[in-house]
Amino acid sequence: MIVVGALFLFRQYLNIQVPFLRIALAVFFIMAGVSFLFGQPLYETQRDAFFSEGGLSKGQEAGTYNVFFGTKNYDVTKIDTKERTPEIEINAIFSSAVVYIDPNKNYDIKANCAFGSLMLPKGRIINFGKRNVMTNPDETITASLDINVVFGRLNLIERPNHPGE
């Protein structure tokens, strides 16, 4: 906010035009280019990956997980379901992601895909549109997965939950 005020004062009283938006955009692209050249992630946490290749993230709590312009693997087989049905949102935008789910649990999957590839369990594929899927309808719902893919790829892979991992 102080920077915006200073730019306003420069423009009003000193007649100095500073193209703040162009400078910020140029700095962003320079940082992204340098991160590509040296293989260092621009931004990465346990939940999010931005211009990076992330390893396996054990999503054991509800919330939002994002991957932009990179790759990331998420394991939601050990999600905590004791208190209530957890809601997990996974966004893959211009990127690739893999989500591991337990084949013995029932996940309520709300899948949205636009110009991408979303591979659901049992070989179902979505390239464009919306679909609601229950992975194991005979069981009670373990978790709700809201999956969004835009110009990317996301695979839901069934993998049993191993207690020793």
Protein backbone atom coordinates (compact mmCIF):
# COMPACT_ATOMS: atom_id res chain seq x y z
CA MET A 1 0.00 0.00 0.00
CA ILE A 2 2.89 2.35 0.76
CA VAL A 3 4.41 1.63 -2.65
CA VAL A 4 1.12 2.45 -4.36
CA GLY A 5 0.92 5.72 -2.41
CA ALA A 6 4.50 6.61 -3.32
CA LEU A 7 3.80 5.90 -7.00
CA PHE A 8 0.72 8.12 -6.82
CA LEU A 9 2.76 10.96 -5.27
CA PHE A 10 5.49 10.58 -7.92
CA ARG A 11 2.88 10.75 -10.66
CA GLN A 12 0.99 13.73 -9.20
CA TYR A 13 3.75 16.01 -7.92
CA LEU A 14 6.95 15.05 -9.71
CA ASN A 15 5.34 14.05 -13.02
CA ILE A 16 7.29 10.76 -13.01
CA GLN A 17 5.46 7.90 -14.71
CA VAL A 18 6.43 4.51 -13.22
CA PRO A 19 4.94 1.48 -15.04
CA PHE A 20 4.54 -0.59 -11.85
CA LEU A 21 2.50 -3.41 -13.43
CA ARG A 22 4.98 -3.89 -16.26
CA ILE A 23 7.92 -3.95 -13.85
CA ALA A 24 6.21 -6.50 -11.56
CA LEU A 25 5.34 -8.72 -14.53
CA ALA A 26 8.90 -8.53 -15.89
CA VAL A 27 10.38 -9.43 -12.48
CA PHE A 28 8.03 -12.42 -12.26
CA PHE A 29 9.07 -13.74 -15.69
CA ILE A 30 12.76 -13.21 -14.92
CA MET A 31 12.40 -15.16 -11.64
CA ALA A 32 10.53 -17.95 -13.42
CA GLY A 33 13.20 -18.12 -16.15
CA VAL A 34 16.04 -18.26 -13.63
CA SER A 35 14.27 -21.02 -11.70
CA PHE A 36 13.92 -23.04 -14.93
CA LEU A 37 17.58 -22.54 -15.83
CA PHE A 38 18.96 -23.62 -12.46
CA GLY A 39 16.31 -26.23 -11.65
CA GLN A 40 15.31 -24.55 -8.41
CA PRO A 41 11.61 -24.35 -7.57
CA LEU A 42 10.12 -20.89 -7.62
CA TYR A 43 7.79 -21.83 -4.76
CA GLU A 44 7.08 -25.15 -3.08
CA THR A 45 5.43 -26.28 0.15
CA GLN A 46 3.95 -29.59 1.32
CA ARG A 47 0.63 -28.54 -0.22
CA ASP A 48 1.66 -26.44 -3.21
CA ALA A 49 4.15 -26.55 -6.07
CA PHE A 50 4.76 -23.61 -8.40
CA PHE A 51 7.28 -24.02 -11.24
CA SER A 52 8.71 -27.10 -9.51
CA GLU A 53 8.79 -30.87 -9.44
CA GLY A 54 7.59 -31.89 -6.02
CA GLY A 55 7.90 -35.29 -4.42
CA LEU A 56 5.26 -37.22 -2.55
CA SER A 57 3.10 -35.10 -0.27
CA LYS A 58 1.17 -37.06 2.33
CA GLY A 59 -2.09 -35.12 2.47
CA GLN A 60 -3.27 -36.10 5.92
CA GLU A 61 -5.45 -33.10 6.49
CA ALA A 62 -8.31 -31.50 4.64
CA GLY A 63 -7.73 -28.38 2.60
CA THR A 64 -6.51 -27.18 -0.75
CA TYR A 65 -3.53 -28.58 -2.63
CA ASN A 66 -2.24 -26.76 -5.74
CA VAL A 67 0.27 -27.47 -8.48
CA PHE A 68 0.98 -24.81 -11.13
CA PHE A 69 3.41 -25.30 -14.02
CA GLY A 70 5.08 -28.33 -12.42
CA THR A 71 4.56 -31.86 -11.11
CA LYS A 72 3.49 -33.16 -7.70
CA ASN A 73 2.33 -36.44 -6.13
CA TYR A 74 -0.26 -36.50 -3.33
CA ASP A 75 -1.12 -39.44 -1.06
CA VAL A 76 -4.55 -39.14 0.58
CA THR A 77 -4.81 -42.77 1.73
CA LYS A 78 -4.15 -41.83 5.37
CA ILE A 79 -6.49 -38.86 5.61
CA ASP A 80 -7.91 -38.32 9.09
CA THR A 81 -11.65 -39.18 8.99
CA LYS A 82 -12.43 -39.49 12.70
CA GLU A 83 -14.39 -36.28 13.31
CA ARG A 84 -16.10 -35.60 9.99
CA THR A 85 -15.84 -36.24 6.26
CA PRO A 86 -12.81 -34.27 5.13
CA GLU A 87 -13.00 -32.11 2.02
CA ILE A 88 -9.88 -31.98 -0.14
CA GLU A 89 -9.46 -29.73 -3.17
CA ILE A 90 -6.68 -30.49 -5.65
CA ASN A 91 -5.94 -28.07 -8.49
CA ALA A 92 -3.59 -28.93 -11.37
CA ILE A 93 -3.13 -26.02 -13.74
CA PHE A 94 -0.70 -26.32 -16.67
CA SER A 95 0.86 -29.20 -14.76
CA SER A 96 0.93 -32.91 -13.96
CA ALA A 97 -0.18 -34.52 -10.70
CA VAL A 98 -0.76 -37.99 -9.27
CA VAL A 99 -3.17 -38.61 -6.39
CA TYR A 100 -3.03 -41.94 -4.53
CA ILE A 101 -6.31 -43.14 -3.02
CA ASP A 102 -7.18 -46.25 -1.00
CA PRO A 103 -9.26 -48.76 -3.04
CA ASN A 104 -10.99 -49.97 0.16
CA LYS A 105 -12.45 -46.53 0.97
CA ASN A 106 -15.28 -44.61 -0.66
CA TYR A 107 -14.30 -41.23 -2.05
CA ASP A 108 -16.89 -38.77 -3.35
CA ILE A 109 -15.02 -37.30 -6.34
CA LYS A 110 -16.20 -34.11 -8.02
CA ALA A 111 -14.02 -33.95 -11.13
CA ASN A 112 -13.72 -30.88 -13.37
CA CYS A 113 -11.47 -30.83 -16.42
CA ALA A 114 -10.91 -28.23 -19.12
CA PHE A 115 -8.55 -28.98 -22.00
CA GLY A 116 -6.68 -31.56 -19.95
CA SER A 117 -6.66 -35.20 -18.96
CA LEU A 118 -8.13 -36.51 -15.73
CA MET A 119 -7.78 -40.28 -15.28
CA LEU A 120 -10.19 -41.66 -12.70
CA PRO A 121 -10.00 -45.13 -11.13
CA LYS A 122 -11.07 -48.11 -13.25
CA GLY A 123 -9.83 -46.46 -16.45
CA ARG A 124 -12.38 -43.66 -16.76
CA ILE A 125 -10.95 -40.56 -18.44
CA ILE A 126 -12.29 -37.00 -18.56
CA ASN A 127 -10.87 -34.55 -21.09
CA PHE A 128 -13.48 -31.83 -20.83
CA GLY A 129 -16.42 -31.33 -18.50
CA LYS A 130 -17.68 -32.35 -15.07
CA ARG A 131 -18.33 -35.69 -13.49
CA ASN A 132 -19.27 -36.95 -10.02
CA VAL A 133 -17.92 -40.38 -9.11
CA MET A 134 -18.10 -42.63 -6.04
CA THR A 135 -15.13 -45.00 -5.92
CA ASN A 136 -16.67 -47.65 -3.65
CA PRO A 137 -20.43 -46.98 -3.35
CA ASP A 138 -21.05 -49.86 -0.92
CA GLU A 139 -19.08 -48.09 1.85
CA THR A 140 -19.77 -44.84 3.71
CA ILE A 141 -18.05 -41.77 2.29
CA THR A 142 -14.48 -41.46 3.61
CA ALA A 143 -13.52 -38.15 2.00
CA SER A 144 -14.76 -35.67 -0.57
CA LEU A 145 -12.28 -34.87 -3.36
CA ASP A 146 -12.83 -31.77 -5.49
CA ILE A 147 -10.41 -32.12 -8.41
CA ASN A 148 -9.83 -29.38 -10.98
CA VAL A 149 -7.56 -29.79 -14.02
CA VAL A 150 -6.92 -27.01 -16.52
CA PHE A 151 -4.51 -27.61 -19.42
CA GLY A 152 -2.87 -30.36 -17.38
CA ARG A 153 -2.95 -33.99 -16.38
CA LEU A 154 -4.01 -35.67 -13.15
CA ASN A 155 -4.10 -39.42 -12.43
CA LEU A 156 -6.06 -40.93 -9.55
CA ILE A 157 -4.31 -44.19 -8.69
CA GLU A 158 -5.69 -46.75 -6.26
CA ARG A 159 -3.04 -47.89 -3.79
CA PRO A 160 -3.78 -49.75 -0.53
CA ASN A 161 -3.01 -48.00 2.70
CA HIS A 162 -0.04 -49.73 4.32
CA PRO A 163 0.05 -49.17 8.12
CA GLY A 164 3.85 -49.28 8.25
CA GLU A 165 4.42 -46.34 5.88
